[in-house]
Amino acid sequence: MKNKVFAYVCAPFEKDGFPVRETQEYSQSLFRLGYIPICPNVMFAAFLSNTVPSQKQARQDMSLEVLRRCRILVVCGNNITEEMTQEILLAERLGIVTVTFDGLKEVSEYTGPKTPRG
């Protein structure tokens, strides 16, 4: 796994109606595409509660700190939450490449222009 790119998984937190399982599936797909998926929603949910304000803030702060170390931010899902907006704006400010999962997948699978048969 030498020289793989850290890809930050930007997805709604479970409380926003986006199940952890779906976030895990995005992470698995990114792995298959050759990235190292970094998914704070899954990592930090194991030991922090979103219902405890201090833990929620700690999760958000740690997530942004992890994002600073990634080279790409991958927006997963169709709804962008306020928390995701903060992540996207930070990535933009730091010059971190920001793409949608669908766009990244399409580019990764691109094989060149279709040539007409004739």
N, C-alpha and C. Protein backbone atom coordinates (compact mmCIF):
# COMPACT_ATOMS: atom_id res chain seq x y z
N MET A 1 0.82 -1.18 0.00
CA MET A 1 0.00 0.00 0.00
C MET A 1 0.87 1.26 0.00
N LYS A 2 1.94 1.23 -0.71
CA LYS A 2 2.85 2.35 -0.75
C LYS A 2 2.29 3.48 -1.61
N ASN A 3 2.41 4.72 -1.10
CA ASN A 3 2.02 5.93 -1.83
C ASN A 3 0.55 6.02 -2.16
N LYS A 4 -0.32 5.48 -1.35
CA LYS A 4 -1.75 5.62 -1.55
C LYS A 4 -2.19 6.97 -0.98
N VAL A 5 -3.23 7.52 -1.54
CA VAL A 5 -3.73 8.82 -1.14
C VAL A 5 -4.81 8.67 -0.06
N PHE A 6 -4.70 9.49 0.99
CA PHE A 6 -5.74 9.53 2.02
C PHE A 6 -6.94 10.28 1.46
N ALA A 7 -8.10 9.63 1.46
CA ALA A 7 -9.34 10.22 0.96
C ALA A 7 -10.31 10.39 2.13
N TYR A 8 -10.61 11.62 2.47
CA TYR A 8 -11.52 11.94 3.57
C TYR A 8 -12.95 11.70 3.11
N VAL A 9 -13.68 10.88 3.83
CA VAL A 9 -15.07 10.57 3.50
C VAL A 9 -15.96 11.61 4.15
N CYS A 10 -16.52 12.48 3.33
CA CYS A 10 -17.40 13.56 3.79
C CYS A 10 -18.84 13.09 3.58
N ALA A 11 -19.48 12.72 4.68
CA ALA A 11 -20.84 12.18 4.61
C ALA A 11 -21.61 12.65 5.83
N PRO A 12 -22.94 12.70 5.71
CA PRO A 12 -23.73 13.09 6.89
C PRO A 12 -23.49 12.14 8.05
N PHE A 13 -23.52 12.69 9.26
CA PHE A 13 -23.40 11.86 10.44
C PHE A 13 -24.67 11.05 10.60
N GLU A 14 -24.61 9.93 11.28
CA GLU A 14 -25.75 9.03 11.40
C GLU A 14 -27.02 9.74 11.86
N LYS A 15 -26.91 10.67 12.74
CA LYS A 15 -28.10 11.37 13.25
C LYS A 15 -28.82 12.12 12.13
N ASP A 16 -28.10 12.43 11.05
CA ASP A 16 -28.70 13.15 9.93
C ASP A 16 -29.39 12.22 8.95
N GLY A 17 -29.62 10.98 9.36
CA GLY A 17 -30.35 10.04 8.53
C GLY A 17 -29.49 9.28 7.53
N PHE A 18 -28.20 9.29 7.72
CA PHE A 18 -27.29 8.60 6.81
C PHE A 18 -26.66 7.46 7.60
N PRO A 19 -27.07 6.23 7.36
CA PRO A 19 -26.60 5.13 8.20
C PRO A 19 -25.10 4.88 8.10
N VAL A 20 -24.53 4.45 9.21
CA VAL A 20 -23.10 4.12 9.24
C VAL A 20 -22.78 3.07 8.18
N ARG A 21 -23.68 2.13 7.96
CA ARG A 21 -23.43 1.09 6.97
C ARG A 21 -23.19 1.68 5.58
N GLU A 22 -23.97 2.68 5.22
CA GLU A 22 -23.79 3.32 3.91
C GLU A 22 -22.44 4.03 3.84
N THR A 23 -22.06 4.66 4.93
CA THR A 23 -20.75 5.32 4.98
C THR A 23 -19.64 4.28 4.86
N GLN A 24 -19.80 3.13 5.49
CA GLN A 24 -18.82 2.05 5.37
C GLN A 24 -18.73 1.54 3.93
N GLU A 25 -19.86 1.49 3.23
CA GLU A 25 -19.86 1.04 1.83
C GLU A 25 -19.11 2.04 0.94
N TYR A 26 -19.30 3.33 1.20
CA TYR A 26 -18.53 4.33 0.45
C TYR A 26 -17.04 4.14 0.72
N SER A 27 -16.68 3.91 1.98
CA SER A 27 -15.28 3.70 2.34
C SER A 27 -14.70 2.48 1.64
N GLN A 28 -15.47 1.41 1.62
CA GLN A 28 -15.01 0.19 0.95
C GLN A 28 -14.81 0.43 -0.55
N SER A 29 -15.72 1.17 -1.17
CA SER A 29 -15.60 1.48 -2.59
C SER A 29 -14.36 2.33 -2.86
N LEU A 30 -14.09 3.30 -1.99
CA LEU A 30 -12.88 4.11 -2.16
C LEU A 30 -11.63 3.25 -2.03
N PHE A 31 -11.64 2.32 -1.11
CA PHE A 31 -10.51 1.39 -0.97
C PHE A 31 -10.30 0.61 -2.27
N ARG A 32 -11.40 0.11 -2.84
CA ARG A 32 -11.30 -0.64 -4.10
C ARG A 32 -10.80 0.23 -5.25
N LEU A 33 -11.05 1.53 -5.17
CA LEU A 33 -10.56 2.45 -6.20
C LEU A 33 -9.09 2.83 -5.99
N GLY A 34 -8.50 2.34 -4.89
CA GLY A 34 -7.08 2.57 -4.66
C GLY A 34 -6.74 3.65 -3.65
N TYR A 35 -7.71 4.12 -2.91
CA TYR A 35 -7.49 5.16 -1.90
C TYR A 35 -7.48 4.55 -0.50
N ILE A 36 -6.93 5.31 0.44
CA ILE A 36 -7.03 4.95 1.85
C ILE A 36 -8.17 5.80 2.42
N PRO A 37 -9.34 5.22 2.63
CA PRO A 37 -10.47 6.01 3.12
C PRO A 37 -10.31 6.38 4.59
N ILE A 38 -10.51 7.65 4.86
CA ILE A 38 -10.46 8.16 6.22
C ILE A 38 -11.87 8.63 6.56
N CYS A 39 -12.51 7.93 7.48
CA CYS A 39 -13.93 8.19 7.74
C CYS A 39 -14.17 8.46 9.22
N PRO A 40 -14.07 9.72 9.63
CA PRO A 40 -14.27 10.07 11.03
C PRO A 40 -15.64 9.67 11.57
N ASN A 41 -16.67 9.71 10.72
CA ASN A 41 -18.02 9.36 11.20
C ASN A 41 -18.06 7.93 11.75
N VAL A 42 -17.30 7.06 11.15
CA VAL A 42 -17.27 5.67 11.62
C VAL A 42 -16.24 5.52 12.74
N MET A 43 -15.07 6.12 12.55
CA MET A 43 -13.99 5.98 13.54
C MET A 43 -14.40 6.52 14.91
N PHE A 44 -14.92 7.74 14.93
CA PHE A 44 -15.19 8.40 16.20
C PHE A 44 -16.52 7.98 16.82
N ALA A 45 -17.43 7.49 16.02
CA ALA A 45 -18.72 7.03 16.56
C ALA A 45 -18.54 5.84 17.49
N ALA A 46 -17.42 5.15 17.37
CA ALA A 46 -17.17 3.99 18.22
C ALA A 46 -16.98 4.37 19.69
N PHE A 47 -16.55 5.63 19.94
CA PHE A 47 -16.29 5.99 21.34
C PHE A 47 -16.80 7.38 21.74
N LEU A 48 -17.42 8.09 20.82
CA LEU A 48 -17.98 9.40 21.16
C LEU A 48 -19.47 9.43 20.86
N SER A 49 -20.22 10.09 21.71
CA SER A 49 -21.67 10.19 21.54
C SER A 49 -22.03 11.56 20.97
N ASN A 50 -22.84 11.56 19.96
CA ASN A 50 -23.28 12.82 19.36
C ASN A 50 -24.32 13.53 20.22
N THR A 51 -24.85 12.84 21.22
CA THR A 51 -25.86 13.45 22.10
C THR A 51 -25.23 14.18 23.29
N VAL A 52 -23.95 14.00 23.51
CA VAL A 52 -23.23 14.71 24.56
C VAL A 52 -22.50 15.88 23.89
N PRO A 53 -22.91 17.11 24.16
CA PRO A 53 -22.37 18.27 23.44
C PRO A 53 -20.84 18.34 23.40
N SER A 54 -20.18 18.06 24.51
CA SER A 54 -18.71 18.14 24.51
C SER A 54 -18.08 17.07 23.62
N GLN A 55 -18.70 15.88 23.58
CA GLN A 55 -18.19 14.81 22.72
C GLN A 55 -18.48 15.11 21.24
N LYS A 56 -19.65 15.69 20.98
CA LYS A 56 -19.98 16.07 19.60
C LYS A 56 -18.96 17.10 19.09
N GLN A 57 -18.67 18.10 19.92
CA GLN A 57 -17.70 19.12 19.53
C GLN A 57 -16.32 18.52 19.34
N ALA A 58 -15.94 17.60 20.23
CA ALA A 58 -14.64 16.93 20.10
C ALA A 58 -14.58 16.15 18.79
N ARG A 59 -15.68 15.46 18.44
CA ARG A 59 -15.71 14.70 17.18
C ARG A 59 -15.55 15.63 15.98
N GLN A 60 -16.26 16.75 16.00
CA GLN A 60 -16.16 17.71 14.90
C GLN A 60 -14.75 18.29 14.80
N ASP A 61 -14.17 18.67 15.93
CA ASP A 61 -12.81 19.22 15.93
C ASP A 61 -11.79 18.21 15.43
N MET A 62 -11.89 16.97 15.92
CA MET A 62 -10.95 15.93 15.49
C MET A 62 -11.13 15.61 14.01
N SER A 63 -12.38 15.63 13.53
CA SER A 63 -12.64 15.38 12.12
C SER A 63 -11.95 16.40 11.23
N LEU A 64 -12.04 17.67 11.61
CA LEU A 64 -11.39 18.72 10.83
C LEU A 64 -9.87 18.61 10.90
N GLU A 65 -9.36 18.18 12.05
CA GLU A 65 -7.91 17.98 12.17
C GLU A 65 -7.44 16.84 11.26
N VAL A 66 -8.22 15.78 11.19
CA VAL A 66 -7.90 14.64 10.31
C VAL A 66 -7.97 15.09 8.85
N LEU A 67 -8.97 15.88 8.51
CA LEU A 67 -9.12 16.38 7.14
C LEU A 67 -7.87 17.12 6.69
N ARG A 68 -7.26 17.88 7.57
CA ARG A 68 -6.05 18.65 7.22
C ARG A 68 -4.92 17.74 6.73
N ARG A 69 -4.96 16.49 7.06
CA ARG A 69 -3.89 15.56 6.69
C ARG A 69 -4.21 14.75 5.43
N CYS A 70 -5.39 14.98 4.85
CA CYS A 70 -5.81 14.24 3.67
C CYS A 70 -5.52 15.04 2.40
N ARG A 71 -5.40 14.34 1.28
CA ARG A 71 -5.13 15.01 0.01
C ARG A 71 -6.38 15.20 -0.83
N ILE A 72 -7.46 14.49 -0.46
CA ILE A 72 -8.69 14.58 -1.24
C ILE A 72 -9.88 14.45 -0.28
N LEU A 73 -10.93 15.21 -0.54
CA LEU A 73 -12.17 15.10 0.21
C LEU A 73 -13.22 14.58 -0.76
N VAL A 74 -13.88 13.49 -0.39
CA VAL A 74 -14.89 12.88 -1.24
C VAL A 74 -16.26 13.07 -0.61
N VAL A 75 -17.11 13.84 -1.29
CA VAL A 75 -18.46 14.12 -0.81
C VAL A 75 -19.35 12.94 -1.19
N CYS A 76 -19.94 12.30 -0.18
CA CYS A 76 -20.77 11.11 -0.38
C CYS A 76 -22.23 11.44 -0.09
N GLY A 77 -23.11 10.98 -0.94
CA GLY A 77 -24.54 11.22 -0.75
C GLY A 77 -24.98 12.47 -1.49
N ASN A 78 -26.28 12.71 -1.45
CA ASN A 78 -26.86 13.82 -2.20
C ASN A 78 -27.20 15.04 -1.35
N ASN A 79 -27.24 14.87 -0.04
CA ASN A 79 -27.59 15.98 0.85
C ASN A 79 -26.36 16.45 1.60
N ILE A 80 -26.08 17.74 1.52
CA ILE A 80 -24.93 18.31 2.20
C ILE A 80 -25.42 19.00 3.48
N THR A 81 -24.93 18.50 4.61
CA THR A 81 -25.32 19.05 5.91
C THR A 81 -24.44 20.25 6.25
N GLU A 82 -24.79 20.93 7.33
CA GLU A 82 -24.00 22.06 7.80
C GLU A 82 -22.57 21.62 8.16
N GLU A 83 -22.47 20.47 8.80
CA GLU A 83 -21.15 19.95 9.17
C GLU A 83 -20.32 19.62 7.93
N MET A 84 -20.96 19.04 6.92
CA MET A 84 -20.26 18.74 5.67
C MET A 84 -19.81 20.03 4.99
N THR A 85 -20.63 21.06 5.06
CA THR A 85 -20.28 22.35 4.47
C THR A 85 -19.00 22.89 5.12
N GLN A 86 -18.89 22.76 6.44
CA GLN A 86 -17.67 23.19 7.13
C GLN A 86 -16.46 22.43 6.61
N GLU A 87 -16.62 21.13 6.41
CA GLU A 87 -15.51 20.30 5.90
C GLU A 87 -15.13 20.72 4.48
N ILE A 88 -16.12 20.94 3.64
CA ILE A 88 -15.86 21.34 2.25
C ILE A 88 -15.16 22.69 2.19
N LEU A 89 -15.63 23.65 3.00
CA LEU A 89 -15.01 24.98 3.02
C LEU A 89 -13.57 24.93 3.52
N LEU A 90 -13.31 24.10 4.54
CA LEU A 90 -11.94 23.95 5.02
C LEU A 90 -11.05 23.35 3.94
N ALA A 91 -11.54 22.32 3.28
CA ALA A 91 -10.77 21.68 2.21
C ALA A 91 -10.46 22.70 1.12
N GLU A 92 -11.43 23.49 0.76
CA GLU A 92 -11.25 24.51 -0.27
C GLU A 92 -10.18 25.52 0.17
N ARG A 93 -10.28 25.97 1.41
CA ARG A 93 -9.31 26.94 1.94
C ARG A 93 -7.89 26.38 1.96
N LEU A 94 -7.76 25.08 2.23
CA LEU A 94 -6.44 24.45 2.31
C LEU A 94 -5.94 23.93 0.97
N GLY A 95 -6.76 24.04 -0.07
CA GLY A 95 -6.34 23.55 -1.40
C GLY A 95 -6.44 22.05 -1.53
N ILE A 96 -7.27 21.42 -0.72
CA ILE A 96 -7.47 19.97 -0.80
C ILE A 96 -8.49 19.70 -1.91
N VAL A 97 -8.16 18.81 -2.80
CA VAL A 97 -9.05 18.48 -3.91
C VAL A 97 -10.38 17.96 -3.34
N THR A 98 -11.48 18.50 -3.85
CA THR A 98 -12.81 18.10 -3.40
C THR A 98 -13.60 17.58 -4.59
N VAL A 99 -14.12 16.36 -4.46
CA VAL A 99 -14.88 15.73 -5.54
C VAL A 99 -16.09 15.02 -4.94
N THR A 100 -17.06 14.72 -5.79
CA THR A 100 -18.15 13.86 -5.34
C THR A 100 -17.73 12.42 -5.53
N PHE A 101 -18.33 11.53 -4.76
CA PHE A 101 -18.02 10.11 -4.91
C PHE A 101 -18.36 9.65 -6.33
N ASP A 102 -19.55 10.03 -6.81
CA ASP A 102 -19.97 9.61 -8.15
C ASP A 102 -19.02 10.12 -9.22
N GLY A 103 -18.57 11.36 -9.08
CA GLY A 103 -17.62 11.92 -10.05
C GLY A 103 -16.29 11.20 -10.01
N LEU A 104 -15.79 10.92 -8.82
CA LEU A 104 -14.51 10.22 -8.67
C LEU A 104 -14.61 8.82 -9.27
N LYS A 105 -15.71 8.14 -9.00
CA LYS A 105 -15.90 6.79 -9.53
C LYS A 105 -15.95 6.82 -11.06
N GLU A 106 -16.67 7.79 -11.61
CA GLU A 106 -16.79 7.89 -13.06
C GLU A 106 -15.43 8.14 -13.71
N VAL A 107 -14.65 9.05 -13.12
CA VAL A 107 -13.32 9.34 -13.65
C VAL A 107 -12.41 8.12 -13.52
N SER A 108 -12.49 7.42 -12.40
CA SER A 108 -11.64 6.24 -12.18
C SER A 108 -11.95 5.13 -13.16
N GLU A 109 -13.21 5.05 -13.59
CA GLU A 109 -13.61 3.98 -14.51
C GLU A 109 -13.53 4.41 -15.98
N TYR A 110 -13.16 5.65 -16.25
CA TYR A 110 -13.12 6.18 -17.60
C TYR A 110 -12.07 5.44 -18.43
N THR A 111 -12.46 5.01 -19.60
CA THR A 111 -11.53 4.27 -20.47
C THR A 111 -11.22 5.01 -21.76
N GLY A 112 -11.69 6.22 -21.87
CA GLY A 112 -11.43 7.01 -23.07
C GLY A 112 -12.70 7.23 -23.85
N PRO A 113 -12.61 8.07 -24.88
CA PRO A 113 -13.81 8.35 -25.66
C PRO A 113 -14.30 7.15 -26.43
N LYS A 114 -15.58 7.09 -26.57
CA LYS A 114 -16.19 6.01 -27.36
C LYS A 114 -15.97 6.35 -28.84
N THR A 115 -15.46 5.38 -29.57
CA THR A 115 -15.27 5.61 -31.00
C THR A 115 -16.40 4.96 -31.77
N PRO A 116 -16.95 5.72 -32.74
CA PRO A 116 -18.06 5.14 -33.51
C PRO A 116 -17.58 3.99 -34.37
N ARG A 117 -18.42 3.01 -34.47
CA ARG A 117 -18.10 1.86 -35.32
C ARG A 117 -18.56 2.19 -36.73
N GLY A 118 -17.79 1.86 -37.66
CA GLY A 118 -18.21 2.19 -39.01
C GLY A 118 -17.53 1.42 -40.07
